[in-house]
Amino acid sequence: MHHPADTADQQTVRSTRSPNKPKTVVITGGTDGIGRALAEERLERGDTVVVIGRTPRKGEAFLERARSLGAADRARFIRADLGLLADNRRVLDEVRAVFPVVDVLVFCARFYRSDRAETAEGIEDVFAHFYLSRYLLGHGLAGQLGRSERPVVVNVAGPGAGLELIHWDDLEFRNAYHGGAALGQAGKLNDLLGVSSAARYADIGLRYVLVHPGPTVTGLVGQYDAETQRYIDAQQLTAKPVAEALGPIVAAIDAPPRQSLSAFVEGREIDVRGEGFDPEAARRLEELTEAFLKDLKGR
């Protein structure tokens, strides 16, 4: 996917925007947990906020909160199942039609599955929801991000693990599925997505920030077996509040790092120059992803 070069009009838009002006912020998973808290924080700061989620009731609750803040005209909810590629493309169409500029794109949506499941499009659900969606939306909104003076993508995943988590010959876990392994692999794929995206969009000044907030008291939506649910319940007893988890994300938006790619684990910056962020592995993943999407389209 090649992003379009700036036209003269786009360059004019970028040159007249100030980092102190209100931003347009798009948040996946913006109706729950960290995403919802961030959405409200940005509304209170005067930004325009687009949240994407699958539950109309939660979307309406966000819009009601916006009305209570006097920000109804700056809030938008897009209902979508981000595990479906068709829904991701519909989201892209809607955002691009309404917002010529996107300043900040934040990926928070995730859905754990103890049991392997496939989407209606025949794709393993965690791979589709936690990785392919972020791939499509990140590249699909590159044109809008390119018109921002300080474009930022914040990918809330779990940076820093090793490449051994990737099942290169079985990305959809058709064999020996395990929910934790599928989630861990998807997080690692997002590390490599950050590597390739930062390199591809360096010319527009994109800052790509990978964030692992650590255990946080959130809804942790998903399908859990009894053993995993007991583990989650125990973890939540000592997890940090959502407000504390917001810190590194808000910092990345307000004062983007100087480098094109950065990663933070519970507020501590980690080195993105090691083997776990290998550019060759990132290129390999990008080629596999493009081939996968092409094959899926052909089917």
Foldseek 3Di string as FASTA:
>chain_A
DADDDDDPVLVVLAVPDDLLDAFEEEEEVLLWFLNVVVQLVSVLVVHQYEYEEADVVSLVVSLVSCVVSVNNVRYHYDHADQLDVVRLVVVLVVCVVPALAHAEYEYDDAAFEQDWDADPLGATRRCRRLAVSCLCNLRSCLRRNLSHNAHEYEYEAADDDAPVLQPPVCLRCPDPDGRVSNSVNSSLLVLLVLLVSLVSNVVSNYAYEYEHQPFEQIPNHYHDDPVVVVVNVVSNVPHHYSVQSCVVVVCCSSPNDNGNYWYDYNRHTDDCPDNSNDNVVSVVSVVVSVVVVVVSVVD
